[in-house]
Protein backbone atom coordinates (compact mmCIF):
# COMPACT_ATOMS: atom_id res chain seq x y z
CA MET A 1 234.79 -8.02 146.57
CA GLY A 2 231.39 -8.58 147.56
CA LEU A 3 228.65 -11.32 147.42
CA THR A 4 229.28 -14.36 145.08
CA ALA A 5 226.79 -14.86 142.10
CA GLN A 6 225.55 -17.88 144.04
CA GLN A 7 224.95 -15.84 147.30
CA LYS A 8 222.95 -13.17 145.31
CA ALA A 9 220.94 -15.79 143.47
CA GLN A 10 219.91 -17.50 146.61
CA CYS A 11 219.15 -14.21 148.42
CA ARG A 12 217.30 -12.93 145.65
CA ALA A 13 215.15 -16.12 145.21
CA LEU A 14 214.30 -16.32 148.85
CA TRP A 15 213.26 -12.73 149.43
CA GLN A 16 211.50 -12.34 146.12
CA GLN A 17 209.42 -15.36 147.05
CA GLU A 18 208.51 -13.87 150.52
CA LEU A 19 207.80 -10.52 148.89
CA GLU A 20 205.65 -11.81 146.04
CA GLN A 21 203.87 -14.75 147.83
CA ASN A 22 203.45 -13.30 151.23
CA ILE A 23 203.93 -9.54 151.73
CA LEU A 24 202.45 -8.23 148.50
CA PRO A 25 199.32 -10.25 148.42
CA PHE A 26 198.26 -9.21 151.93
CA TRP A 27 198.57 -5.51 151.06
CA LEU A 28 196.96 -5.75 147.65
CA ARG A 29 194.06 -7.16 149.37
CA ALA A 30 194.00 -4.02 151.54
CA VAL A 31 193.98 -1.18 148.96
CA ASP A 32 191.19 1.13 148.55
CA THR A 33 190.33 1.07 144.90
CA GLU A 34 187.46 3.65 145.67
CA SER A 35 189.25 6.55 147.09
CA GLY A 36 193.00 5.43 146.78
CA GLY A 37 195.34 4.60 149.38
CA VAL A 38 195.63 1.60 151.58
CA PHE A 39 193.96 0.33 154.81
CA THR A 40 196.47 -0.26 157.49
CA CYS A 41 194.77 -0.23 160.89
CA PHE A 42 194.93 -4.08 161.27
CA SER A 43 195.44 -6.14 164.35
CA ASN A 44 199.08 -7.20 164.86
CA ASP A 45 198.18 -10.75 163.44
CA GLY A 46 196.69 -9.01 160.33
CA GLY A 47 193.42 -10.79 161.02
CA THR A 48 191.11 -7.98 161.71
CA LEU A 49 190.75 -4.43 160.19
CA LEU A 50 190.12 -2.22 163.13
CA SER A 51 189.59 1.07 161.36
CA GLU A 52 189.27 2.54 157.78
CA ASN A 53 191.04 5.73 158.83
CA LYS A 54 194.22 6.56 156.81
CA PHE A 55 197.48 7.91 158.36
CA THR A 56 199.23 9.98 155.77
CA TRP A 57 202.46 8.45 157.32
CA SER A 58 201.47 4.97 156.02
CA GLN A 59 199.85 6.39 152.82
CA GLY A 60 202.97 8.22 151.62
CA ARG A 61 205.13 5.07 152.51
CA PHE A 62 202.63 2.78 150.65
CA LEU A 63 202.90 5.05 147.63
CA TRP A 64 206.62 4.51 147.46
CA ASN A 65 206.23 0.84 147.75
CA GLU A 66 203.66 0.54 145.00
CA SER A 67 205.70 2.75 142.58
CA ARG A 68 208.98 0.74 143.33
CA GLN A 69 207.14 -2.63 142.85
CA ALA A 70 206.03 -1.39 139.33
CA ALA A 71 209.60 -0.32 138.56
CA LEU A 72 210.90 -3.73 139.69
CA ILE A 73 208.33 -5.69 137.36
CA ARG A 74 209.25 -3.31 134.46
CA SER A 75 212.93 -4.14 134.75
CA GLY A 76 212.37 -7.87 134.95
CA LEU A 77 213.66 -8.28 138.59
CA CYS A 78 209.90 -9.19 139.74
CA GLN A 79 206.82 -10.97 138.40
CA GLY A 80 203.51 -9.38 137.75
CA ASP A 81 201.88 -6.75 136.02
CA ALA A 82 203.07 -3.21 136.70
CA ALA A 83 200.25 -1.22 135.00
CA PRO A 84 197.61 -1.81 137.88
CA LEU A 85 200.15 -1.11 140.54
CA LEU A 86 201.08 2.30 138.78
CA ALA A 87 197.47 3.16 138.28
CA HIS A 88 196.75 2.80 142.07
CA ALA A 89 199.75 4.41 142.91
CA LYS A 90 198.58 7.56 140.89
CA GLN A 91 195.19 7.29 142.67
CA THR A 92 197.00 7.28 146.02
CA ALA A 93 199.27 10.21 145.12
CA ASP A 94 196.04 12.13 143.97
CA PHE A 95 194.21 11.33 147.04
CA LEU A 96 197.22 12.76 149.26
CA LEU A 97 197.44 15.87 147.06
CA ASP A 98 193.66 16.50 147.13
CA HIS A 99 193.13 15.64 150.80
CA ALA A 100 196.25 15.83 152.93
CA PHE A 101 197.53 19.14 152.63
CA LEU A 102 196.58 22.16 154.60
CA ASP A 103 196.55 25.81 153.97
CA ASN A 104 199.90 26.35 155.54
CA GLY A 105 201.48 23.68 153.16
CA HIS A 106 201.87 21.07 155.97
CA CYS A 107 200.40 17.61 155.77
CA ALA A 108 197.35 16.40 158.03
CA PHE A 109 198.55 13.43 160.04
CA LEU A 110 195.12 11.62 159.85
CA LEU A 111 192.33 11.25 157.35
CA ASP A 112 189.21 9.17 157.26
CA ARG A 113 188.69 6.82 154.51
CA HIS A 114 187.39 9.51 152.09
CA GLY A 115 190.02 11.99 152.95
CA ASN A 116 188.18 14.24 155.56
CA LYS A 117 190.86 15.37 158.05
CA LEU A 118 190.90 14.20 161.52
CA GLU A 119 192.55 15.27 164.78
CA MET A 120 194.53 12.57 166.77
CA LYS A 121 193.50 14.31 169.95
CA PRO A 122 190.77 17.04 170.05
CA GLY A 123 192.12 20.39 170.11
CA GLU A 124 195.74 19.49 169.10
CA GLY A 125 195.28 20.27 165.28
CA TYR A 126 195.94 18.34 162.15
CA ASP A 127 199.47 18.59 161.34
CA THR A 128 201.16 16.95 164.20
CA SER A 129 204.16 15.37 162.78
CA PHE A 130 206.71 16.40 160.10
CA TYR A 131 207.56 12.74 159.74
CA ALA A 132 204.31 12.14 157.94
CA ASP A 133 205.19 15.04 155.65
CA CYS A 134 208.50 13.34 154.86
CA PHE A 135 206.90 10.19 153.97
CA VAL A 136 204.61 11.90 151.65
CA VAL A 137 207.48 13.57 149.97
CA ILE A 138 209.30 10.36 149.41
CA GLY A 139 206.09 8.81 147.93
CA LEU A 140 205.19 11.49 145.54
CA CYS A 141 208.99 11.31 144.54
CA GLU A 142 209.04 7.73 143.85
CA TYR A 143 205.92 7.77 141.90
CA ALA A 144 207.24 10.80 139.89
CA PHE A 145 210.54 8.84 139.30
CA VAL A 146 208.85 5.73 137.97
CA SER A 147 205.98 7.34 136.11
CA GLY A 148 207.83 10.36 134.67
CA GLU A 149 204.99 12.71 135.73
CA SER A 150 207.10 15.56 136.89
CA GLY A 151 204.27 17.49 138.61
CA TYR A 152 204.30 14.92 141.30
CA PHE A 153 207.89 15.74 142.07
CA GLU A 154 207.38 19.43 142.10
CA HIS A 155 204.75 18.93 144.93
CA ALA A 156 207.29 16.69 146.73
CA LEU A 157 210.01 19.32 146.46
CA ALA A 158 207.74 22.07 147.73
CA LEU A 159 206.60 20.01 150.63
CA TYR A 160 210.40 19.19 151.44
CA ASP A 161 211.15 22.83 151.38
CA ASN A 162 208.36 23.60 153.72
CA VAL A 163 209.52 20.99 156.25
CA SER A 164 213.16 22.22 155.96
CA GLN A 165 212.00 25.72 157.01
CA ARG A 166 210.03 24.32 160.02
CA LEU A 167 213.15 22.52 161.24
CA ALA A 168 215.33 25.48 160.66
CA SER A 169 212.91 27.59 162.76
CA GLY A 170 212.85 25.14 165.63
CA ARG A 171 208.99 25.04 165.31
CA VAL A 172 208.39 21.39 164.25
CA ARG A 173 206.22 18.92 165.66
CA SER A 174 207.08 15.17 165.85
CA GLU A 175 204.34 12.95 167.22
CA PRO A 176 203.93 10.27 168.48
CA TYR A 177 206.97 10.92 170.34
CA PRO A 178 207.95 14.62 170.52
CA ALA A 179 211.43 15.58 171.49
CA PRO A 180 211.47 17.53 174.87
CA PRO A 181 213.23 20.84 175.21
CA GLY A 182 217.02 20.38 175.25
CA PHE A 183 217.07 17.28 173.06
CA GLU A 184 217.71 16.97 169.27
CA PRO A 185 216.88 13.29 168.10
CA TYR A 186 219.18 11.46 165.70
CA ALA A 187 215.89 10.62 163.85
CA TYR A 188 215.39 14.22 162.70
CA GLU A 189 218.60 14.31 160.65
CA MET A 190 218.44 10.83 159.64
CA ILE A 191 214.54 11.30 158.09
CA MET A 192 215.87 14.44 156.34
CA LEU A 193 218.91 12.57 154.65
CA GLY A 194 216.43 9.72 153.64
CA THR A 195 213.98 12.30 152.19
CA VAL A 196 216.46 14.62 150.20
CA THR A 197 218.47 11.47 149.02
CA GLU A 198 215.22 10.39 147.19
CA LEU A 199 214.81 13.98 145.89
CA LEU A 200 218.34 13.93 144.79
CA ARG A 201 218.01 10.60 142.86
CA TYR A 202 215.15 12.03 140.72
CA ALA A 203 216.95 15.42 140.14
CA LEU A 204 220.00 13.29 138.86
CA ARG A 205 217.87 11.04 136.64
CA TYR A 206 215.79 13.94 135.21
CA GLN A 207 218.43 16.69 135.37
CA HIS A 208 216.16 18.83 137.35
CA THR A 209 216.91 22.52 138.09
CA ALA A 210 217.01 21.62 141.75
CA LEU A 211 220.01 19.23 141.34
CA SER A 212 222.66 21.60 142.55
CA ARG A 213 220.98 22.74 145.94
CA LEU A 214 219.77 19.06 146.44
CA THR A 215 223.42 17.93 146.07
CA THR A 216 224.44 20.47 148.62
CA ARG A 217 221.60 19.54 151.06
CA THR A 218 222.50 15.75 150.85
CA ARG A 219 226.25 16.52 151.29
CA GLN A 220 225.48 18.71 154.27
CA SER A 221 222.95 16.08 155.77
CA LEU A 222 225.50 13.29 155.45
CA GLY A 223 228.19 15.17 156.86
CA ARG A 224 226.16 16.19 159.97
CA ILE A 225 225.17 12.53 160.69
CA PHE A 226 228.84 11.57 161.18
CA ALA A 227 230.25 14.86 162.70
CA GLU A 228 227.46 15.45 164.99
CA PHE A 229 225.58 12.19 165.83
CA HIS A 230 228.42 9.68 166.08
CA ASP A 231 231.41 9.84 168.43
CA PRO A 232 234.37 10.47 166.26
CA GLU A 233 236.55 7.96 167.93
CA THR A 234 234.08 5.03 168.67
CA LEU A 235 231.36 5.78 165.97
CA ILE A 236 228.74 5.00 168.61
CA PRO A 237 225.64 6.91 167.77
CA LEU A 238 223.96 9.71 169.82
CA GLU A 239 220.38 8.95 169.80
CA MET A 240 219.80 12.38 171.25
CA LYS A 241 222.01 15.44 171.06
CA VAL A 242 221.36 17.03 174.53
CA VAL A 243 222.34 19.97 176.72
CA PRO A 244 224.99 18.97 179.30
CA GLU A 245 222.55 18.73 182.23
CA HIS A 246 220.57 15.95 180.44
CA ARG A 247 223.70 13.77 179.60
CA ASP A 248 222.67 11.38 182.40
CA THR A 249 219.15 10.72 181.15
CA LEU A 250 217.58 7.56 179.87
CA LEU A 251 216.72 9.49 176.53
CA ALA A 252 220.38 10.62 176.17
CA ARG A 253 221.89 7.32 177.01
CA HIS A 254 219.78 4.74 175.12
CA LYS A 255 220.61 3.39 171.75
CA THR A 256 218.25 2.15 169.03
CA PRO A 257 220.35 -0.46 166.97
CA GLY A 258 217.65 -1.07 164.19
CA HIS A 259 217.38 2.71 163.62
CA THR A 260 221.11 3.10 163.09
CA LEU A 261 221.31 0.00 160.85
CA GLU A 262 218.62 1.78 158.76
CA ASN A 263 220.36 4.89 158.67
CA MET A 264 223.79 3.32 157.34
CA TRP A 265 221.96 2.28 154.18
CA PHE A 266 220.50 5.77 153.98
CA CYS A 267 224.17 7.06 154.32
CA PHE A 268 225.47 4.60 151.68
CA HIS A 269 222.84 5.58 149.15
CA ALA A 270 223.43 9.23 149.64
CA ALA A 271 227.30 8.74 149.49
CA GLN A 272 226.87 6.68 146.18
CA LEU A 273 224.63 9.40 144.75
CA LEU A 274 227.41 11.94 145.51
CA GLY A 275 230.09 9.97 144.25
CA GLU A 276 231.79 9.74 147.82
CA THR A 277 231.44 5.98 148.75
CA GLU A 278 235.14 5.76 149.53
CA THR A 279 234.88 8.59 152.00
CA TYR A 280 232.00 7.17 154.02
CA LEU A 281 232.11 3.20 153.43
CA PRO A 282 234.72 2.51 156.22
CA ALA A 283 232.76 4.29 158.67
CA ILE A 284 229.34 2.77 157.54
CA ALA A 285 230.77 -0.72 157.63
CA LYS A 286 232.12 -0.44 161.17
CA ILE A 287 228.94 1.07 162.46
CA THR A 288 226.95 -1.63 160.75
CA SER A 289 228.89 -4.34 162.65
CA LEU A 290 228.97 -2.36 165.77
CA MET A 291 225.30 -1.83 165.92
CA TRP A 292 224.41 -5.36 164.92
CA HIS A 293 226.55 -6.66 168.04
CA MET A 294 225.19 -4.06 170.32
CA GLY A 295 221.58 -5.20 169.49
CA TRP A 296 221.79 -8.94 169.20
CA ASP A 297 220.23 -11.04 171.94
CA ASP A 298 222.63 -13.93 172.55
CA GLN A 299 220.00 -15.88 174.63
CA TYR A 300 216.89 -15.79 172.47
CA GLY A 301 218.25 -14.35 169.14
CA GLY A 302 217.04 -11.37 167.17
CA LEU A 303 217.76 -7.59 167.88
CA PHE A 304 216.58 -5.77 171.06
CA ARG A 305 214.73 -2.57 170.35
CA TYR A 306 216.75 -0.44 172.74
CA THR A 307 219.91 -0.94 174.59
CA LEU A 308 222.83 0.95 176.07
CA ALA A 309 226.03 1.28 174.31
CA ASP A 310 227.36 -1.90 175.84
CA GLY A 311 224.25 -3.94 174.77
CA SER A 312 222.89 -3.96 178.51
CA PRO A 313 219.07 -2.71 178.94
CA PRO A 314 218.46 0.98 178.89
CA ALA A 315 218.96 2.88 181.97
CA GLY A 316 219.30 6.45 183.10
CA ARG A 317 217.58 9.35 184.95
CA LEU A 318 214.03 9.79 184.06
CA LEU A 319 212.46 13.06 183.11
CA GLY A 320 208.96 11.69 184.13
CA GLY A 321 205.86 11.67 181.80
CA ASP A 322 207.77 11.61 178.67
CA PRO A 323 206.00 9.13 176.22
CA TYR A 324 209.09 8.12 174.46
CA GLU A 325 210.94 7.49 177.69
CA THR A 326 208.10 5.22 178.85
CA LEU A 327 208.33 3.49 175.41
CA ILE A 328 212.02 2.76 175.85
CA ALA A 329 211.56 1.42 179.42
CA ASP A 330 208.51 -0.67 178.51
CA THR A 331 209.75 -2.23 175.16
CA TRP A 332 213.38 -2.53 175.06
CA SER A 333 213.56 -6.02 174.71
CA SER A 334 210.69 -6.41 172.10
CA LYS A 335 211.46 -7.96 168.83
CA ILE A 336 210.10 -5.49 166.26
CA TRP A 337 209.77 -6.44 162.63
CA TRP A 338 211.22 -3.20 160.97
CA VAL A 339 214.30 -3.54 163.16
CA HIS A 340 215.09 -6.95 161.43
CA SER A 341 214.02 -6.12 157.95
CA GLU A 342 216.31 -3.08 157.93
CA ALA A 343 219.23 -5.27 159.21
CA LEU A 344 218.71 -7.79 156.41
CA TYR A 345 219.33 -5.13 153.77
CA THR A 346 222.09 -3.32 155.49
CA LEU A 347 224.11 -6.41 156.14
CA LEU A 348 223.70 -7.67 152.59
CA LEU A 349 224.63 -4.20 151.16
CA MET A 350 227.70 -4.34 153.40
CA ALA A 351 228.46 -7.83 152.32
CA GLU A 352 228.26 -6.69 148.65
CA GLN A 353 230.50 -3.61 149.29
CA ASN A 354 233.18 -5.19 151.49
CA ASN A 355 235.52 -8.22 151.54
CA ASP A 356 234.91 -8.90 155.15
CA PRO A 357 232.95 -12.15 155.46
CA GLN A 358 231.42 -11.34 158.73
CA PHE A 359 228.65 -9.33 157.04
CA PHE A 360 227.16 -12.23 155.26
CA SER A 361 227.63 -14.36 158.19
CA LEU A 362 225.51 -11.82 160.25
CA TYR A 363 223.05 -11.70 157.59
CA GLN A 364 222.53 -15.47 157.59
CA GLN A 365 222.13 -15.52 161.32
CA THR A 366 219.53 -12.75 161.24
CA ALA A 367 217.71 -14.26 158.17
CA ASP A 368 217.35 -17.64 160.00
CA TYR A 369 215.84 -15.90 163.06
CA VAL A 370 213.43 -13.71 160.90
CA LEU A 371 212.10 -16.60 159.01
CA ASN A 372 211.61 -18.64 162.20
CA THR A 373 209.93 -15.67 163.93
CA PHE A 374 208.12 -13.01 161.92
CA PRO A 375 206.09 -14.53 158.77
CA ASN A 376 202.58 -15.39 159.64
CA ARG A 377 201.49 -18.14 157.11
CA GLU A 378 197.88 -18.02 158.21
CA GLN A 379 197.08 -14.39 157.52
CA GLY A 380 199.81 -13.47 155.36
CA GLU A 381 202.55 -10.75 155.99
CA TRP A 382 204.55 -10.68 159.34
CA THR A 383 203.27 -10.69 162.76
CA GLN A 384 205.18 -7.58 163.47
CA ILE A 385 205.58 -7.21 167.19
CA ARG A 386 206.93 -10.04 169.30
CA ASP A 387 208.32 -10.23 173.02
CA ARG A 388 211.96 -11.23 173.71
CA GLU A 389 211.32 -14.81 173.28
CA GLY A 390 209.49 -14.42 169.99
CA ALA A 391 205.90 -14.75 171.28
CA PRO A 392 203.40 -12.39 169.34
CA LEU A 393 202.36 -9.11 171.41
CA ASN A 394 199.12 -7.30 170.88
CA LYS A 395 200.74 -4.00 171.13
CA VAL A 396 200.91 -0.67 169.06
CA VAL A 397 204.29 0.45 167.76
CA ALA A 398 204.27 4.42 167.08
CA LEU A 399 200.78 4.28 165.45
CA PRO A 400 197.80 1.85 165.69
CA VAL A 401 198.64 0.54 162.20
CA LYS A 402 200.25 -2.69 160.58
CA ASP A 403 202.45 -0.69 158.44
CA PRO A 404 203.43 -2.09 155.00
CA PHE A 405 206.65 -0.02 154.52
CA HIS A 406 209.72 -1.54 156.14
CA ILE A 407 209.34 -5.16 155.06
CA MET A 408 208.41 -4.48 151.50
CA ARG A 409 210.86 -1.63 150.98
CA ASN A 410 213.66 -3.78 152.43
CA LEU A 411 212.67 -6.84 150.40
CA GLN A 412 212.43 -4.64 147.16
CA LEU A 413 215.94 -3.30 147.82
CA ILE A 414 217.25 -6.81 148.38
CA VAL A 415 215.86 -7.87 144.98
CA SER A 416 217.18 -4.99 143.38
CA LEU A 417 220.69 -5.37 145.02
CA CYS A 418 220.93 -9.13 144.27
CA GLY A 419 219.33 -9.09 140.77
CA GLN A 420 222.03 -6.71 139.44
CA PRO A 421 225.49 -8.03 138.27
CA SER A 422 228.38 -7.26 140.70
């Protein structure tokens, strides 16, 4: 079963080279050695730093990346020196603990270079998105996992509990694309599954006292994904759970193939930690194939950002004035960096876990498109936002940042997957 030794060696060499020679050098030039964290407000091509402000969304993510890279170097799976990476990761973790937290236990969404809190829009407050809090959780958790400094995990766990309480109360903010009344995004349960799985991994490794409740929460979240956010017969995802009168809307009908592909590896990692891979693997594999075929552009290659369930352009009744609705309509055919990096890892993971040769074939097709489309050999990193035909676009995706997270994380996961014996 799974990838051959030759396939693993080739994939590891390819993506380790991209990680170490293209992605990491760009971001290591962008780290703030004075205050901690990383500058991310670059133009899409990476050539111009537009602002030194720091979104906690991206700072928590980069903390995860730096910590994981140090772990890969320590294990011999990557080249380099782990010590400076881990030292800067600690500086970043301390920057977040010292500056990002508010009196209510939430995280501010935006800071200036030195950690002063900023409002995205005057009068709307500092804590505008629980997603940012979740990324701070996983960053602190990964740093604790790699460094062994347990205090950072305690902060991560407390923040996760705070986020969970907000969601349970129904009083949660989710900028930059808040859910309108009557809509519950797939993304809410997805981010909570990805977050609690990181905590569970730590708790298992260090036998933390929260292990039992984190196991229960992971099992509940994983079960809810399949029971409430995927059709029980077709396994097609519900991007939004809606009240009946909204089922004909664009928000209810659209699909996000890359998001669901990302969540499939979340689900696999969660099932693996729970010892329940046999229960979930058949559905994960089926959904992975389904979403790739739903999203693939047969004319120009690459994965569409948004589609309908049959792969056609998104359509449906418009609420009017909703920012996410506008995003779907305006950018459905864009080719976005994170969609493709998530597809690479998920497809390779399914190729390793299944006898079905389609997954490696789909991976190869995706990898060919990625390497011909995204890497920027002049500035480094990838030109992250492109139009349907692959030409670069000067647009903002979610936040006005060039985010380091998805590409680096997926390449790190691929190196780990392909660097281990079958």
